[in-house]
Amino acid sequence: MYTIDYPRMATLGKATELQKKVHRLVQEVTRRMADALEPGVKCSELHRVAVTAMEELGVSPDRPDKLSGSRVGHGQGILITEPPNINPRDDTVLEPGMVLSTEPGVRLGDVQFLWEDVHVVTEDGHEQLTTETEELREIDW
């Protein structure tokens, strides 16, 4: 049996407007990464897509001191986290059949969100394997 990891975020109690905004922004970064997922794209190029999206949206990575080197996704297979890594140093070219996570973590002020979706690269793009809701869960507190 294989497993995958894919974090989802929630708030204890009602989400603040800032939390709702950061949730929307991390999902936008994730969407832009997914839009770029296709055979022939390098992992380092996907990283550039994520960093550019963060800059355009006015958020910083969850580890701001590591913007240029932070990992924003990875391969999945026998191990939960395995190569390739979506970072600026990994020039692995995506091929059909590869299973990858897009995993940007963003921060705006004191609010930090991490969102991960799992995709398989297909002949003409990708198929998203995670199908859970994208809604921000608010846990009664």
C-alpha atoms as a PDB file:
ATOM      1  CA  MET A   1       0.000   0.000   0.000  1.00  0.00           C
ATOM      2  CA  TYR A   2       1.327   3.415  -0.958  1.00  0.00           C
ATOM      3  CA  THR A   3       0.597   6.666   0.784  1.00  0.00           C
ATOM      4  CA  ILE A   4       0.779  10.296  -0.225  1.00  0.00           C
ATOM      5  CA  ASP A   5       0.920  13.490   1.750  1.00  0.00           C
ATOM      6  CA  TYR A   6      -1.180  16.496   0.970  1.00  0.00           C
ATOM      7  CA  PRO A   7      -1.698  19.101   3.692  1.00  0.00           C
ATOM      8  CA  ARG A   8      -4.906  21.018   4.087  1.00  0.00           C
ATOM      9  CA  MET A   9      -5.301  24.008   6.378  1.00  0.00           C
ATOM     10  CA  ALA A  10      -8.087  24.887   8.802  1.00  0.00           C
ATOM     11  CA  THR A  11      -8.782  27.550  11.378  1.00  0.00           C
ATOM     12  CA  LEU A  12      -9.888  27.088  14.955  1.00  0.00           C
ATOM     13  CA  GLY A  13     -13.015  29.208  15.053  1.00  0.00           C
ATOM     14  CA  LYS A  14     -14.110  31.612  12.346  1.00  0.00           C
ATOM     15  CA  ALA A  15     -11.429  32.550   9.842  1.00  0.00           C
ATOM     16  CA  THR A  16     -10.302  36.154   9.819  1.00  0.00           C
ATOM     17  CA  GLU A  17     -10.407  38.145   6.602  1.00  0.00           C
ATOM     18  CA  LEU A  18      -6.600  37.897   6.437  1.00  0.00           C
ATOM     19  CA  GLN A  19      -6.721  34.100   6.806  1.00  0.00           C
ATOM     20  CA  LYS A  20      -9.339  33.885   4.048  1.00  0.00           C
ATOM     21  CA  LYS A  21      -7.186  36.082   1.808  1.00  0.00           C
ATOM     22  CA  VAL A  22      -4.019  34.017   2.363  1.00  0.00           C
ATOM     23  CA  HIS A  23      -6.004  30.837   1.720  1.00  0.00           C
ATOM     24  CA  ARG A  24      -7.172  32.238  -1.643  1.00  0.00           C
ATOM     25  CA  LEU A  25      -3.645  33.375  -2.515  1.00  0.00           C
ATOM     26  CA  VAL A  26      -1.961  30.025  -1.761  1.00  0.00           C
ATOM     27  CA  GLN A  27      -4.563  28.335  -3.928  1.00  0.00           C
ATOM     28  CA  GLU A  28      -3.813  30.772  -6.751  1.00  0.00           C
ATOM     29  CA  VAL A  29      -0.109  29.926  -6.545  1.00  0.00           C
ATOM     30  CA  THR A  30      -1.058  26.230  -6.611  1.00  0.00           C
ATOM     31  CA  ARG A  31      -3.314  26.766  -9.661  1.00  0.00           C
ATOM     32  CA  ARG A  32      -0.565  28.563 -11.569  1.00  0.00           C
ATOM     33  CA  MET A  33       1.843  25.717 -10.831  1.00  0.00           C
ATOM     34  CA  ALA A  34      -0.746  23.164 -11.982  1.00  0.00           C
ATOM     35  CA  ASP A  35      -1.374  25.134 -15.182  1.00  0.00           C
ATOM     36  CA  ALA A  36       2.340  24.804 -15.996  1.00  0.00           C
ATOM     37  CA  LEU A  37       2.523  21.051 -15.269  1.00  0.00           C
ATOM     38  CA  GLU A  38       3.148  19.129 -18.478  1.00  0.00           C
ATOM     39  CA  PRO A  39       5.761  16.900 -20.074  1.00  0.00           C
ATOM     40  CA  GLY A  40       8.980  18.683 -20.984  1.00  0.00           C
ATOM     41  CA  VAL A  41       8.812  21.258 -18.180  1.00  0.00           C
ATOM     42  CA  LYS A  42      11.733  21.303 -15.751  1.00  0.00           C
ATOM     43  CA  CYS A  43      11.186  21.259 -11.996  1.00  0.00           C
ATOM     44  CA  SER A  44      13.245  24.446 -11.762  1.00  0.00           C
ATOM     45  CA  GLU A  45      10.796  26.103 -14.190  1.00  0.00           C
ATOM     46  CA  LEU A  46       7.853  25.111 -11.969  1.00  0.00           C
ATOM     47  CA  HIS A  47       9.689  26.680  -9.044  1.00  0.00           C
ATOM     48  CA  ARG A  48      10.050  29.884 -11.051  1.00  0.00           C
ATOM     49  CA  VAL A  49       6.288  29.845 -11.762  1.00  0.00           C
ATOM     50  CA  ALA A  50       5.583  29.596  -8.012  1.00  0.00           C
ATOM     51  CA  VAL A  51       8.039  32.334  -7.037  1.00  0.00           C
ATOM     52  CA  THR A  52       6.731  34.653  -9.765  1.00  0.00           C
ATOM     53  CA  ALA A  53       3.144  34.048  -8.616  1.00  0.00           C
ATOM     54  CA  MET A  54       4.079  34.782  -4.999  1.00  0.00           C
ATOM     55  CA  GLU A  55       5.791  38.012  -6.006  1.00  0.00           C
ATOM     56  CA  GLU A  56       2.839  39.116  -8.178  1.00  0.00           C
ATOM     57  CA  LEU A  57       0.314  38.284  -5.444  1.00  0.00           C
ATOM     58  CA  GLY A  58       2.274  40.056  -2.718  1.00  0.00           C
ATOM     59  CA  VAL A  59       2.987  37.051  -0.502  1.00  0.00           C
ATOM     60  CA  SER A  60       6.280  35.610   0.608  1.00  0.00           C
ATOM     61  CA  PRO A  61       7.217  31.960   0.895  1.00  0.00           C
ATOM     62  CA  ASP A  62       6.569  30.346   4.261  1.00  0.00           C
ATOM     63  CA  ARG A  63      10.328  30.491   4.833  1.00  0.00           C
ATOM     64  CA  PRO A  64      11.153  33.977   3.528  1.00  0.00           C
ATOM     65  CA  ASP A  65      14.874  33.568   4.121  1.00  0.00           C
ATOM     66  CA  LYS A  66      14.891  30.762   1.561  1.00  0.00           C
ATOM     67  CA  LEU A  67      12.915  32.263  -1.335  1.00  0.00           C
ATOM     68  CA  SER A  68      15.470  31.321  -3.945  1.00  0.00           C
ATOM     69  CA  GLY A  69      16.054  27.817  -2.630  1.00  0.00           C
ATOM     70  CA  SER A  70      12.820  26.723  -1.027  1.00  0.00           C
ATOM     71  CA  ARG A  71      11.142  23.578  -2.250  1.00  0.00           C
ATOM     72  CA  VAL A  72       7.568  24.103  -3.445  1.00  0.00           C
ATOM     73  CA  GLY A  73       6.825  20.512  -4.412  1.00  0.00           C
ATOM     74  CA  HIS A  74       8.290  17.063  -4.840  1.00  0.00           C
ATOM     75  CA  GLY A  75       7.888  13.639  -6.337  1.00  0.00           C
ATOM     76  CA  GLN A  76       5.783  10.949  -4.713  1.00  0.00           C
ATOM     77  CA  GLY A  77       6.120   7.216  -5.078  1.00  0.00           C
ATOM     78  CA  ILE A  78       7.275   4.493  -2.736  1.00  0.00           C
ATOM     79  CA  LEU A  79       8.406   7.150  -0.262  1.00  0.00           C
ATOM     80  CA  ILE A  80       6.036   9.902   0.783  1.00  0.00           C
ATOM     81  CA  THR A  81       8.549  12.557  -0.265  1.00  0.00           C
ATOM     82  CA  GLU A  82      11.084  11.713  -2.936  1.00  0.00           C
ATOM     83  CA  PRO A  83      12.850  13.256  -5.922  1.00  0.00           C
ATOM     84  CA  PRO A  84      12.460  15.156  -8.053  1.00  0.00           C
ATOM     85  CA  ASN A  85      12.193  18.353  -6.034  1.00  0.00           C
ATOM     86  CA  ILE A  86      10.529  21.482  -7.300  1.00  0.00           C
ATOM     87  CA  ASN A  87      13.310  23.887  -6.439  1.00  0.00           C
ATOM     88  CA  PRO A  88      15.615  26.146  -8.469  1.00  0.00           C
ATOM     89  CA  ARG A  89      18.433  23.575  -8.597  1.00  0.00           C
ATOM     90  CA  ASP A  90      16.498  20.553  -9.893  1.00  0.00           C
ATOM     91  CA  ASP A  91      16.420  20.519 -13.682  1.00  0.00           C
ATOM     92  CA  THR A  92      14.602  17.180 -13.906  1.00  0.00           C
ATOM     93  CA  VAL A  93      12.373  17.204 -16.982  1.00  0.00           C
ATOM     94  CA  LEU A  94       8.822  16.063 -16.314  1.00  0.00           C
ATOM     95  CA  GLU A  95       7.692  12.944 -18.157  1.00  0.00           C
ATOM     96  CA  PRO A  96       4.329  11.185 -18.464  1.00  0.00           C
ATOM     97  CA  GLY A  97       3.679   8.900 -15.517  1.00  0.00           C
ATOM     98  CA  MET A  98       5.587  10.974 -12.960  1.00  0.00           C
ATOM     99  CA  VAL A  99       3.631  11.737  -9.781  1.00  0.00           C
ATOM    100  CA  LEU A 100       4.340  15.133  -8.241  1.00  0.00           C
ATOM    101  CA  SER A 101       3.032  17.353  -5.501  1.00  0.00           C
ATOM    102  CA  THR A 102       2.697  21.070  -5.891  1.00  0.00           C
ATOM    103  CA  GLU A 103       3.289  22.340  -2.360  1.00  0.00           C
ATOM    104  CA  PRO A 104       3.691  26.090  -2.032  1.00  0.00           C
ATOM    105  CA  GLY A 105       3.700  27.538   1.429  1.00  0.00           C
ATOM    106  CA  VAL A 106       2.986  31.260   1.647  1.00  0.00           C
ATOM    107  CA  ARG A 107       3.000  33.915   4.324  1.00  0.00           C
ATOM    108  CA  LEU A 108       1.351  37.304   4.587  1.00  0.00           C
ATOM    109  CA  GLY A 109       1.953  39.079   7.858  1.00  0.00           C
ATOM    110  CA  ASP A 110       1.494  36.578  10.667  1.00  0.00           C
ATOM    111  CA  VAL A 111      -0.634  34.192   8.585  1.00  0.00           C
ATOM    112  CA  GLN A 112       1.001  31.193   6.955  1.00  0.00           C
ATOM    113  CA  PHE A 113      -0.700  28.601   4.750  1.00  0.00           C
ATOM    114  CA  LEU A 114       0.599  25.452   3.110  1.00  0.00           C
ATOM    115  CA  TRP A 115      -1.400  23.736   0.373  1.00  0.00           C
ATOM    116  CA  GLU A 116      -0.514  20.574  -1.484  1.00  0.00           C
ATOM    117  CA  ASP A 117      -2.109  18.833  -4.425  1.00  0.00           C
ATOM    118  CA  VAL A 118      -0.921  15.641  -6.077  1.00  0.00           C
ATOM    119  CA  HIS A 119      -0.776  15.291  -9.872  1.00  0.00           C
ATOM    120  CA  VAL A 120       0.254  12.693 -12.393  1.00  0.00           C
ATOM    121  CA  VAL A 121       1.935  13.999 -15.541  1.00  0.00           C
ATOM    122  CA  THR A 122       0.071  12.798 -18.644  1.00  0.00           C
ATOM    123  CA  GLU A 123       0.963  12.811 -22.345  1.00  0.00           C
ATOM    124  CA  ASP A 124      -0.717  16.176 -22.815  1.00  0.00           C
ATOM    125  CA  GLY A 125      -0.613  17.818 -19.379  1.00  0.00           C
ATOM    126  CA  HIS A 126      -1.531  16.457 -15.980  1.00  0.00           C
ATOM    127  CA  GLU A 127      -4.346  14.942 -13.979  1.00  0.00           C
ATOM    128  CA  GLN A 128      -4.942  16.089 -10.417  1.00  0.00           C
ATOM    129  CA  LEU A 129      -5.251  13.117  -8.089  1.00  0.00           C
ATOM    130  CA  THR A 130      -6.315  14.980  -4.945  1.00  0.00           C
ATOM    131  CA  THR A 131     -10.018  15.693  -5.118  1.00  0.00           C
ATOM    132  CA  GLU A 132     -10.762  17.004  -1.631  1.00  0.00           C
ATOM    133  CA  THR A 133     -12.553  20.332  -1.361  1.00  0.00           C
ATOM    134  CA  GLU A 134     -10.536  23.529  -1.626  1.00  0.00           C
ATOM    135  CA  GLU A 135     -12.722  25.261   0.937  1.00  0.00           C
ATOM    136  CA  LEU A 136     -11.137  26.687   4.049  1.00  0.00           C
ATOM    137  CA  ARG A 137     -12.364  24.622   6.954  1.00  0.00           C
ATOM    138  CA  GLU A 138     -13.396  26.467  10.077  1.00  0.00           C
ATOM    139  CA  ILE A 139     -13.394  24.196  13.118  1.00  0.00           C
ATOM    140  CA  ASP A 140     -15.823  25.188  15.888  1.00  0.00           C
ATOM    141  CA  TRP A 141     -13.869  26.210  18.915  1.00  0.00           C
END
